[in-house]
Amino acid sequence: MKYLHDVATLVLFSEKCTGCGMCAEVCPRGVFAITNKRAVITDKDLCMECGACALNCEYSAITVNAGVGCASAIIGGMIGGGPATCGCGGDSPKTGCC
């Protein structure tokens, strides 16, 4: 599921990236991939702005206004009658976003 086109606040500073892959590992939406020993954004419109990537990047290579998309997903689930969750699971900064 994509959110609104070209509105995500996600920014990747590739010059700071070491290619550790943590962003790709923790992103619940598959926004990141590791290519040529650096993270790349595969599709910025998939980002729900949960903040897991930025929280887990030890090198400050990622910024995102966390909570914007995640809150939207929770409200959407409540309105639609589905589970009120952003889909990333967990409550620890190292395992999820919410």
PDB file of N, CA and C in Angstrom:
ATOM      1  N   MET A   1       0.838  -1.179   0.000  1.00  0.00           N
ATOM      2  CA  MET A   1       0.000   0.000   0.000  1.00  0.00           C
ATOM      3  C   MET A   1       0.887   1.246   0.000  1.00  0.00           C
ATOM      4  N   LYS A   2       0.626   2.112  -0.915  1.00  0.00           N
ATOM      5  CA  LYS A   2       1.343   3.384  -0.951  1.00  0.00           C
ATOM      6  C   LYS A   2       0.464   4.439  -0.298  1.00  0.00           C
ATOM      7  N   TYR A   3       1.117   5.445   0.233  1.00  0.00           N
ATOM      8  CA  TYR A   3       0.397   6.553   0.821  1.00  0.00           C
ATOM      9  C   TYR A   3       0.332   7.664  -0.230  1.00  0.00           C
ATOM     10  N   LEU A   4       0.244   8.874   0.144  1.00  0.00           N
ATOM     11  CA  LEU A   4       0.162   9.970  -0.820  1.00  0.00           C
ATOM     12  C   LEU A   4       1.470  10.124  -1.581  1.00  0.00           C
ATOM     13  N   HIS A   5       1.384  10.482  -2.839  1.00  0.00           N
ATOM     14  CA  HIS A   5       2.550  10.606  -3.702  1.00  0.00           C
ATOM     15  C   HIS A   5       3.427  11.795  -3.289  1.00  0.00           C
ATOM     16  N   ASP A   6       4.705  11.529  -3.121  1.00  0.00           N
ATOM     17  CA  ASP A   6       5.734  12.541  -2.908  1.00  0.00           C
ATOM     18  C   ASP A   6       5.477  13.479  -1.723  1.00  0.00           C
ATOM     19  N   VAL A   7       5.006  12.931  -0.608  1.00  0.00           N
ATOM     20  CA  VAL A   7       4.792  13.766   0.579  1.00  0.00           C
ATOM     21  C   VAL A   7       5.599  13.294   1.790  1.00  0.00           C
ATOM     22  N   ALA A   8       6.196  12.112   1.723  1.00  0.00           N
ATOM     23  CA  ALA A   8       6.948  11.589   2.864  1.00  0.00           C
ATOM     24  C   ALA A   8       8.130  12.510   3.184  1.00  0.00           C
ATOM     25  N   THR A   9       8.389  12.671   4.456  1.00  0.00           N
ATOM     26  CA  THR A   9       9.468  13.550   4.917  1.00  0.00           C
ATOM     27  C   THR A   9      10.815  12.830   4.981  1.00  0.00           C
ATOM     28  N   LEU A  10      10.866  11.607   4.518  1.00  0.00           N
ATOM     29  CA  LEU A  10      12.075  10.782   4.567  1.00  0.00           C
ATOM     30  C   LEU A  10      13.199  11.377   3.728  1.00  0.00           C
ATOM     31  N   VAL A  11      14.396  11.481   4.351  1.00  0.00           N
ATOM     32  CA  VAL A  11      15.591  11.957   3.644  1.00  0.00           C
ATOM     33  C   VAL A  11      16.745  11.023   3.992  1.00  0.00           C
ATOM     34  N   LEU A  12      17.469  10.582   2.976  1.00  0.00           N
ATOM     35  CA  LEU A  12      18.649   9.741   3.158  1.00  0.00           C
ATOM     36  C   LEU A  12      19.885  10.531   2.744  1.00  0.00           C
ATOM     37  N   PHE A  13      20.828  10.663   3.659  1.00  0.00           N
ATOM     38  CA  PHE A  13      22.095  11.331   3.381  1.00  0.00           C
ATOM     39  C   PHE A  13      23.120  10.241   3.054  1.00  0.00           C
ATOM     40  N   SER A  14      23.219   9.878   1.781  1.00  0.00           N
ATOM     41  CA  SER A  14      24.036   8.732   1.383  1.00  0.00           C
ATOM     42  C   SER A  14      25.514   8.901   1.713  1.00  0.00           C
ATOM     43  N   GLU A  15      25.979  10.145   1.812  1.00  0.00           N
ATOM     44  CA  GLU A  15      27.390  10.351   2.160  1.00  0.00           C
ATOM     45  C   GLU A  15      27.696   9.927   3.598  1.00  0.00           C
ATOM     46  N   LYS A  16      26.682   9.856   4.457  1.00  0.00           N
ATOM     47  CA  LYS A  16      26.870   9.423   5.842  1.00  0.00           C
ATOM     48  C   LYS A  16      26.671   7.917   6.002  1.00  0.00           C
ATOM     49  N   CYS A  17      26.077   7.280   5.010  1.00  0.00           N
ATOM     50  CA  CYS A  17      25.720   5.863   5.090  1.00  0.00           C
ATOM     51  C   CYS A  17      26.961   4.983   5.025  1.00  0.00           C
ATOM     52  N   THR A  18      27.003   3.970   5.911  1.00  0.00           N
ATOM     53  CA  THR A  18      28.107   3.007   5.915  1.00  0.00           C
ATOM     54  C   THR A  18      27.694   1.673   5.303  1.00  0.00           C
ATOM     55  N   GLY A  19      26.431   1.543   4.948  1.00  0.00           N
ATOM     56  CA  GLY A  19      25.950   0.307   4.350  1.00  0.00           C
ATOM     57  C   GLY A  19      25.707  -0.811   5.336  1.00  0.00           C
ATOM     58  N   CYS A  20      25.484  -0.479   6.599  1.00  0.00           N
ATOM     59  CA  CYS A  20      25.283  -1.505   7.627  1.00  0.00           C
ATOM     60  C   CYS A  20      24.006  -2.319   7.392  1.00  0.00           C
ATOM     61  N   GLY A  21      23.017  -1.720   6.735  1.00  0.00           N
ATOM     62  CA  GLY A  21      21.780  -2.429   6.414  1.00  0.00           C
ATOM     63  C   GLY A  21      20.711  -2.393   7.476  1.00  0.00           C
ATOM     64  N   MET A  22      20.958  -1.700   8.575  1.00  0.00           N
ATOM     65  CA  MET A  22      19.975  -1.664   9.658  1.00  0.00           C
ATOM     66  C   MET A  22      18.649  -1.054   9.186  1.00  0.00           C
ATOM     67  N   CYS A  23      18.710  -0.016   8.356  1.00  0.00           N
ATOM     68  CA  CYS A  23      17.481   0.622   7.874  1.00  0.00           C
ATOM     69  C   CYS A  23      16.626  -0.365   7.088  1.00  0.00           C
ATOM     70  N   ALA A  24      17.259  -1.167   6.242  1.00  0.00           N
ATOM     71  CA  ALA A  24      16.532  -2.164   5.452  1.00  0.00           C
ATOM     72  C   ALA A  24      15.958  -3.250   6.357  1.00  0.00           C
ATOM     73  N   GLU A  25      16.677  -3.566   7.424  1.00  0.00           N
ATOM     74  CA  GLU A  25      16.227  -4.603   8.344  1.00  0.00           C
ATOM     75  C   GLU A  25      15.016  -4.172   9.158  1.00  0.00           C
ATOM     76  N   VAL A  26      14.982  -2.926   9.623  1.00  0.00           N
ATOM     77  CA  VAL A  26      13.905  -2.501  10.521  1.00  0.00           C
ATOM     78  C   VAL A  26      12.711  -1.875   9.806  1.00  0.00           C
ATOM     79  N   CYS A  27      12.853  -1.515   8.549  1.00  0.00           N
ATOM     80  CA  CYS A  27      11.744  -0.865   7.845  1.00  0.00           C
ATOM     81  C   CYS A  27      10.616  -1.865   7.567  1.00  0.00           C
ATOM     82  N   PRO A  28       9.429  -1.620   8.102  1.00  0.00           N
ATOM     83  CA  PRO A  28       8.322  -2.548   7.890  1.00  0.00           C
ATOM     84  C   PRO A  28       7.727  -2.468   6.484  1.00  0.00           C
ATOM     85  N   ARG A  29       8.108  -1.489   5.699  1.00  0.00           N
ATOM     86  CA  ARG A  29       7.518  -1.294   4.374  1.00  0.00           C
ATOM     87  C   ARG A  29       8.483  -1.583   3.228  1.00  0.00           C
ATOM     88  N   GLY A  30       9.722  -1.979   3.513  1.00  0.00           N
ATOM     89  CA  GLY A  30      10.678  -2.302   2.457  1.00  0.00           C
ATOM     90  C   GLY A  30      11.121  -1.100   1.653  1.00  0.00           C
ATOM     91  N   VAL A  31      11.241   0.045   2.315  1.00  0.00           N
ATOM     92  CA  VAL A  31      11.608   1.294   1.640  1.00  0.00           C
ATOM     93  C   VAL A  31      13.089   1.317   1.259  1.00  0.00           C
ATOM     94  N   PHE A  32      13.916   0.568   1.985  1.00  0.00           N
ATOM     95  CA  PHE A  32      15.361   0.612   1.765  1.00  0.00           C
ATOM     96  C   PHE A  32      15.903  -0.692   1.195  1.00  0.00           C
ATOM     97  N   ALA A  33      16.981  -0.559   0.438  1.00  0.00           N
ATOM     98  CA  ALA A  33      17.774  -1.695  -0.030  1.00  0.00           C
ATOM     99  C   ALA A  33      19.236  -1.275   0.066  1.00  0.00           C
ATOM    100  N   ILE A  34      20.124  -2.250   0.102  1.00  0.00           N
ATOM    101  CA  ILE A  34      21.553  -1.962   0.122  1.00  0.00           C
ATOM    102  C   ILE A  34      22.099  -2.267  -1.272  1.00  0.00           C
ATOM    103  N   THR A  35      22.655  -1.245  -1.905  1.00  0.00           N
ATOM    104  CA  THR A  35      23.216  -1.359  -3.248  1.00  0.00           C
ATOM    105  C   THR A  35      24.589  -0.708  -3.255  1.00  0.00           C
ATOM    106  N   ASN A  36      25.573  -1.440  -3.765  1.00  0.00           N
ATOM    107  CA  ASN A  36      26.947  -0.929  -3.812  1.00  0.00           C
ATOM    108  C   ASN A  36      27.423  -0.434  -2.447  1.00  0.00           C
ATOM    109  N   LYS A  37      27.114  -1.212  -1.410  1.00  0.00           N
ATOM    110  CA  LYS A  37      27.539  -0.935  -0.032  1.00  0.00           C
ATOM    111  C   LYS A  37      26.982   0.363   0.537  1.00  0.00           C
ATOM    112  N   ARG A  38      25.810   0.773   0.055  1.00  0.00           N
ATOM    113  CA  ARG A  38      25.129   1.969   0.562  1.00  0.00           C
ATOM    114  C   ARG A  38      23.618   1.718   0.543  1.00  0.00           C
ATOM    115  N   ALA A  39      22.926   2.358   1.460  1.00  0.00           N
ATOM    116  CA  ALA A  39      21.463   2.276   1.454  1.00  0.00           C
ATOM    117  C   ALA A  39      20.922   3.130   0.312  1.00  0.00           C
ATOM    118  N   VAL A  40      19.837   2.665  -0.273  1.00  0.00           N
ATOM    119  CA  VAL A  40      19.106   3.433  -1.279  1.00  0.00           C
ATOM    120  C   VAL A  40      17.625   3.341  -0.933  1.00  0.00           C
ATOM    121  N   ILE A  41      16.894   4.348  -1.305  1.00  0.00           N
ATOM    122  CA  ILE A  41      15.445   4.348  -1.119  1.00  0.00           C
ATOM    123  C   ILE A  41      14.839   3.709  -2.353  1.00  0.00           C
ATOM    124  N   THR A  42      14.109   2.609  -2.157  1.00  0.00           N
ATOM    125  CA  THR A  42      13.515   1.897  -3.285  1.00  0.00           C
ATOM    126  C   THR A  42      12.265   2.596  -3.794  1.00  0.00           C
ATOM    127  N   ASP A  43      11.449   3.091  -2.871  1.00  0.00           N
ATOM    128  CA  ASP A  43      10.213   3.787  -3.234  1.00  0.00           C
ATOM    129  C   ASP A  43       9.782   4.646  -2.046  1.00  0.00           C
ATOM    130  N   LYS A  44      10.069   5.917  -2.105  1.00  0.00           N
ATOM    131  CA  LYS A  44       9.777   6.837  -0.997  1.00  0.00           C
ATOM    132  C   LYS A  44       8.285   6.878  -0.661  1.00  0.00           C
ATOM    133  N   ASP A  45       7.433   6.631  -1.647  1.00  0.00           N
ATOM    134  CA  ASP A  45       5.989   6.669  -1.415  1.00  0.00           C
ATOM    135  C   ASP A  45       5.489   5.506  -0.557  1.00  0.00           C
ATOM    136  N   LEU A  46       6.307   4.489  -0.331  1.00  0.00           N
ATOM    137  CA  LEU A  46       5.945   3.400   0.570  1.00  0.00           C
ATOM    138  C   LEU A  46       6.136   3.785   2.033  1.00  0.00           C
ATOM    139  N   CYS A  47       6.911   4.821   2.285  1.00  0.00           N
ATOM    140  CA  CYS A  47       7.238   5.237   3.650  1.00  0.00           C
ATOM    141  C   CYS A  47       5.998   5.716   4.391  1.00  0.00           C
ATOM    142  N   MET A  48       5.770   5.134   5.582  1.00  0.00           N
ATOM    143  CA  MET A  48       4.652   5.572   6.417  1.00  0.00           C
ATOM    144  C   MET A  48       5.147   6.433   7.578  1.00  0.00           C
ATOM    145  N   GLU A  49       6.398   6.825   7.517  1.00  0.00           N
ATOM    146  CA  GLU A  49       7.000   7.738   8.482  1.00  0.00           C
ATOM    147  C   GLU A  49       6.946   7.228   9.913  1.00  0.00           C
ATOM    148  N   CYS A  50       7.179   5.937  10.086  1.00  0.00           N
ATOM    149  CA  CYS A  50       7.168   5.375  11.439  1.00  0.00           C
ATOM    150  C   CYS A  50       8.409   5.782  12.232  1.00  0.00           C
ATOM    151  N   GLY A  51       9.513   6.051  11.536  1.00  0.00           N
ATOM    152  CA  GLY A  51      10.727   6.503  12.199  1.00  0.00           C
ATOM    153  C   GLY A  51      11.688   5.409  12.604  1.00  0.00           C
ATOM    154  N   ALA A  52      11.356   4.146  12.349  1.00  0.00           N
ATOM    155  CA  ALA A  52      12.228   3.038  12.750  1.00  0.00           C
ATOM    156  C   ALA A  52      13.606   3.154  12.109  1.00  0.00           C
ATOM    157  N   CYS A  53      13.662   3.569  10.861  1.00  0.00           N
ATOM    158  CA  CYS A  53      14.953   3.682  10.157  1.00  0.00           C
ATOM    159  C   CYS A  53      15.854   4.724  10.812  1.00  0.00           C
ATOM    160  N   ALA A  54      15.318   5.895  11.065  1.00  0.00           N
ATOM    161  CA  ALA A  54      16.112   6.977  11.659  1.00  0.00           C
ATOM    162  C   ALA A  54      16.520   6.635  13.089  1.00  0.00           C
ATOM    163  N   LEU A  55      15.620   6.016  13.841  1.00  0.00           N
ATOM    164  CA  LEU A  55      15.932   5.627  15.216  1.00  0.00           C
ATOM    165  C   LEU A  55      17.070   4.629  15.277  1.00  0.00           C
ATOM    166  N   ASN A  56      17.169   3.768  14.286  1.00  0.00           N
ATOM    167  CA  ASN A  56      18.151   2.696  14.300  1.00  0.00           C
ATOM    168  C   ASN A  56      19.404   2.982  13.487  1.00  0.00           C
ATOM    169  N   CYS A  57      19.496   4.148  12.856  1.00  0.00           N
ATOM    170  CA  CYS A  57      20.684   4.499  12.094  1.00  0.00           C
ATOM    171  C   CYS A  57      21.709   5.145  13.025  1.00  0.00           C
ATOM    172  N   GLU A  58      22.795   4.437  13.277  1.00  0.00           N
ATOM    173  CA  GLU A  58      23.830   4.937  14.182  1.00  0.00           C
ATOM    174  C   GLU A  58      24.625   6.086  13.592  1.00  0.00           C
ATOM    175  N   TYR A  59      24.488   6.335  12.303  1.00  0.00           N
ATOM    176  CA  TYR A  59      25.323   7.314  11.610  1.00  0.00           C
ATOM    177  C   TYR A  59      24.564   8.578  11.211  1.00  0.00           C
ATOM    178  N   SER A  60      23.324   8.709  11.672  1.00  0.00           N
ATOM    179  CA  SER A  60      22.478   9.876  11.371  1.00  0.00           C
ATOM    180  C   SER A  60      22.362  10.123   9.869  1.00  0.00           C
ATOM    181  N   ALA A  61      22.272   9.045   9.113  1.00  0.00           N
ATOM    182  CA  ALA A  61      22.169   9.153   7.658  1.00  0.00           C
ATOM    183  C   ALA A  61      20.725   9.286   7.190  1.00  0.00           C
ATOM    184  N   ILE A  62      19.771   9.188   8.127  1.00  0.00           N
ATOM    185  CA  ILE A  62      18.356   9.225   7.770  1.00  0.00           C
ATOM    186  C   ILE A  62      17.618  10.183   8.696  1.00  0.00           C
ATOM    187  N   THR A  63      16.760  10.991   8.104  1.00  0.00           N
ATOM    188  CA  THR A  63      15.839  11.801   8.900  1.00  0.00           C
ATOM    189  C   THR A  63      14.427  11.573   8.369  1.00  0.00           C
ATOM    190  N   VAL A  64      13.477  11.663   9.266  1.00  0.00           N
ATOM    191  CA  VAL A  64      12.064  11.537   8.910  1.00  0.00           C
ATOM    192  C   VAL A  64      11.253  12.126  10.062  1.00  0.00           C
ATOM    193  N   ASN A  65      10.192  12.793   9.739  1.00  0.00           N
ATOM    194  CA  ASN A  65       9.288  13.309  10.774  1.00  0.00           C
ATOM    195  C   ASN A  65       8.415  12.156  11.230  1.00  0.00           C
ATOM    196  N   ALA A  66       8.909  11.405  12.195  1.00  0.00           N
ATOM    197  CA  ALA A  66       8.239  10.200  12.668  1.00  0.00           C
ATOM    198  C   ALA A  66       6.877  10.508  13.260  1.00  0.00           C
ATOM    199  N   GLY A  67       5.958   9.606  13.036  1.00  0.00           N
ATOM    200  CA  GLY A  67       4.629   9.705  13.624  1.00  0.00           C
ATOM    201  C   GLY A  67       3.564  10.178  12.676  1.00  0.00           C
ATOM    202  N   VAL A  68       3.929  10.905  11.637  1.00  0.00           N
ATOM    203  CA  VAL A  68       2.926  11.445  10.718  1.00  0.00           C
ATOM    204  C   VAL A  68       2.193  10.326   9.993  1.00  0.00           C
ATOM    205  N   GLY A  69       2.907   9.481   9.278  1.00  0.00           N
ATOM    206  CA  GLY A  69       2.283   8.389   8.536  1.00  0.00           C
ATOM    207  C   GLY A  69       1.767   7.293   9.433  1.00  0.00           C
ATOM    208  N   CYS A  70       2.517   7.017  10.496  1.00  0.00           N
ATOM    209  CA  CYS A  70       2.126   5.988  11.441  1.00  0.00           C
ATOM    210  C   CYS A  70       0.781   6.340  12.073  1.00  0.00           C
ATOM    211  N   ALA A  71       0.633   7.575  12.483  1.00  0.00           N
ATOM    212  CA  ALA A  71      -0.632   8.020  13.072  1.00  0.00           C
ATOM    213  C   ALA A  71      -1.763   7.887  12.063  1.00  0.00           C
ATOM    214  N   SER A  72      -1.483   8.210  10.830  1.00  0.00           N
ATOM    215  CA  SER A  72      -2.483   8.089   9.783  1.00  0.00           C
ATOM    216  C   SER A  72      -2.929   6.643   9.614  1.00  0.00           C
ATOM    217  N   ALA A  73      -1.986   5.711   9.667  1.00  0.00           N
ATOM    218  CA  ALA A  73      -2.309   4.293   9.536  1.00  0.00           C
ATOM    219  C   ALA A  73      -3.172   3.821  10.698  1.00  0.00           C
ATOM    220  N   ILE A  74      -2.856   4.283  11.894  1.00  0.00           N
ATOM    221  CA  ILE A  74      -3.636   3.887  13.071  1.00  0.00           C
ATOM    222  C   ILE A  74      -5.062   4.416  12.969  1.00  0.00           C
ATOM    223  N   ILE A  75      -5.210   5.686  12.611  1.00  0.00           N
ATOM    224  CA  ILE A  75      -6.542   6.283  12.474  1.00  0.00           C
ATOM    225  C   ILE A  75      -7.322   5.590  11.356  1.00  0.00           C
ATOM    226  N   GLY A  76      -6.632   5.306  10.240  1.00  0.00           N
ATOM    227  CA  GLY A  76      -7.283   4.622   9.127  1.00  0.00           C
ATOM    228  C   GLY A  76      -7.796   3.253   9.523  1.00  0.00           C
ATOM    229  N   GLY A  77      -7.019   2.536  10.328  1.00  0.00           N
ATOM    230  CA  GLY A  77      -7.453   1.226  10.806  1.00  0.00           C
ATOM    231  C   GLY A  77      -8.663   1.327  11.706  1.00  0.00           C
ATOM    232  N   MET A  78      -8.686   2.347  12.551  1.00  0.00           N
ATOM    233  CA  MET A  78      -9.813   2.542  13.450  1.00  0.00           C
ATOM    234  C   MET A  78     -11.072   2.898  12.665  1.00  0.00           C
ATOM    235  N   ILE A  79     -10.940   3.779  11.697  1.00  0.00           N
ATOM    236  CA  ILE A  79     -12.095   4.193  10.897  1.00  0.00           C
ATOM    237  C   ILE A  79     -12.597   3.044  10.033  1.00  0.00           C
ATOM    238  N   GLY A  80     -11.656   2.293   9.467  1.00  0.00           N
ATOM    239  CA  GLY A  80     -12.025   1.188   8.587  1.00  0.00           C
ATOM    240  C   GLY A  80     -12.461  -0.065   9.311  1.00  0.00           C
ATOM    241  N   GLY A  81     -12.356  -0.077  10.634  1.00  0.00           N
ATOM    242  CA  GLY A  81     -12.778  -1.232  11.405  1.00  0.00           C
ATOM    243  C   GLY A  81     -11.712  -2.312  11.532  1.00  0.00           C
ATOM    244  N   GLY A  82     -10.539  -2.066  10.993  1.00  0.00           N
ATOM    245  CA  GLY A  82      -9.449  -3.033  11.093  1.00  0.00           C
ATOM    246  C   GLY A  82      -8.642  -2.795  12.347  1.00  0.00           C
ATOM    247  N   PRO A  83      -7.550  -3.530  12.457  1.00  0.00           N
ATOM    248  CA  PRO A  83      -6.702  -3.340  13.638  1.00  0.00           C
ATOM    249  C   PRO A  83      -6.074  -1.942  13.636  1.00  0.00           C
ATOM    250  N   ALA A  84      -6.069  -1.322  14.797  1.00  0.00           N
ATOM    251  CA  ALA A  84      -5.490   0.026  14.931  1.00  0.00           C
ATOM    252  C   ALA A  84      -3.987  -0.099  15.110  1.00  0.00           C
ATOM    253  N   THR A  85      -3.281  -0.305  14.017  1.00  0.00           N
ATOM    254  CA  THR A  85      -1.844  -0.498  14.073  1.00  0.00           C
ATOM    255  C   THR A  85      -1.186   0.058  12.819  1.00  0.00           C
ATOM    256  N   CYS A  86       0.070   0.409  12.940  1.00  0.00           N
ATOM    257  CA  CYS A  86       0.809   0.883  11.773  1.00  0.00           C
ATOM    258  C   CYS A  86       1.481  -0.267  11.060  1.00  0.00           C
ATOM    259  N   GLY A  87       1.462  -1.460  11.644  1.00  0.00           N
ATOM    260  CA  GLY A  87       2.000  -2.635  10.988  1.00  0.00           C
ATOM    261  C   GLY A  87       3.455  -2.929  11.255  1.00  0.00           C
ATOM    262  N   CYS A  88       4.118  -2.125  12.070  1.00  0.00           N
ATOM    263  CA  CYS A  88       5.543  -2.361  12.267  1.00  0.00           C
ATOM    264  C   CYS A  88       5.828  -3.196  13.506  1.00  0.00           C
ATOM    265  N   GLY A  89       4.889  -3.345  14.400  1.00  0.00           N
ATOM    266  CA  GLY A  89       5.007  -4.233  15.545  1.00  0.00           C
ATOM    267  C   GLY A  89       6.015  -3.807  16.594  1.00  0.00           C
ATOM    268  N   GLY A  90       5.834  -4.322  17.782  1.00  0.00           N
ATOM    269  CA  GLY A  90       6.758  -4.065  18.876  1.00  0.00           C
ATOM    270  C   GLY A  90       6.599  -2.692  19.471  1.00  0.00           C
ATOM    271  N   ASP A  91       7.199  -2.507  20.657  1.00  0.00           N
ATOM    272  CA  ASP A  91       7.122  -1.202  21.295  1.00  0.00           C
ATOM    273  C   ASP A  91       8.491  -0.687  21.687  1.00  0.00           C
ATOM    274  N   SER A  92       9.530  -1.385  21.291  1.00  0.00           N
ATOM    275  CA  SER A  92      10.899  -0.955  21.572  1.00  0.00           C
ATOM    276  C   SER A  92      11.465  -0.232  20.359  1.00  0.00           C
ATOM    277  N   PRO A  93      12.251   0.832  20.565  1.00  0.00           N
ATOM    278  CA  PRO A  93      12.848   1.541  19.428  1.00  0.00           C
ATOM    279  C   PRO A  93      13.688   0.635  18.534  1.00  0.00           C
ATOM    280  N   LYS A  94      14.162  -0.494  19.050  1.00  0.00           N
ATOM    281  CA  LYS A  94      15.003  -1.388  18.259  1.00  0.00           C
ATOM    282  C   LYS A  94      14.172  -2.423  17.506  1.00  0.00           C
ATOM    283  N   THR A  95      12.879  -2.581  17.834  1.00  0.00           N
ATOM    284  CA  THR A  95      12.084  -3.603  17.157  1.00  0.00           C
ATOM    285  C   THR A  95      10.878  -3.049  16.447  1.00  0.00           C
ATOM    286  N   GLY A  96      10.510  -1.820  16.674  1.00  0.00           N
ATOM    287  CA  GLY A  96       9.341  -1.255  16.020  1.00  0.00           C
ATOM    288  C   GLY A  96       9.276   0.227  16.224  1.00  0.00           C
ATOM    289  N   CYS A  97       8.210   0.825  15.784  1.00  0.00           N
ATOM    290  CA  CYS A  97       8.153   2.273  15.834  1.00  0.00           C
ATOM    291  C   CYS A  97       7.145   2.806  16.825  1.00  0.00           C
ATOM    292  N   CYS A  98       6.146   2.066  17.158  1.00  0.00           N
ATOM    293  CA  CYS A  98       5.061   2.606  17.998  1.00  0.00           C
ATOM    294  C   CYS A  98       5.131   2.120  19.420  1.00  0.00           C
TER     295      CYS A  98
END
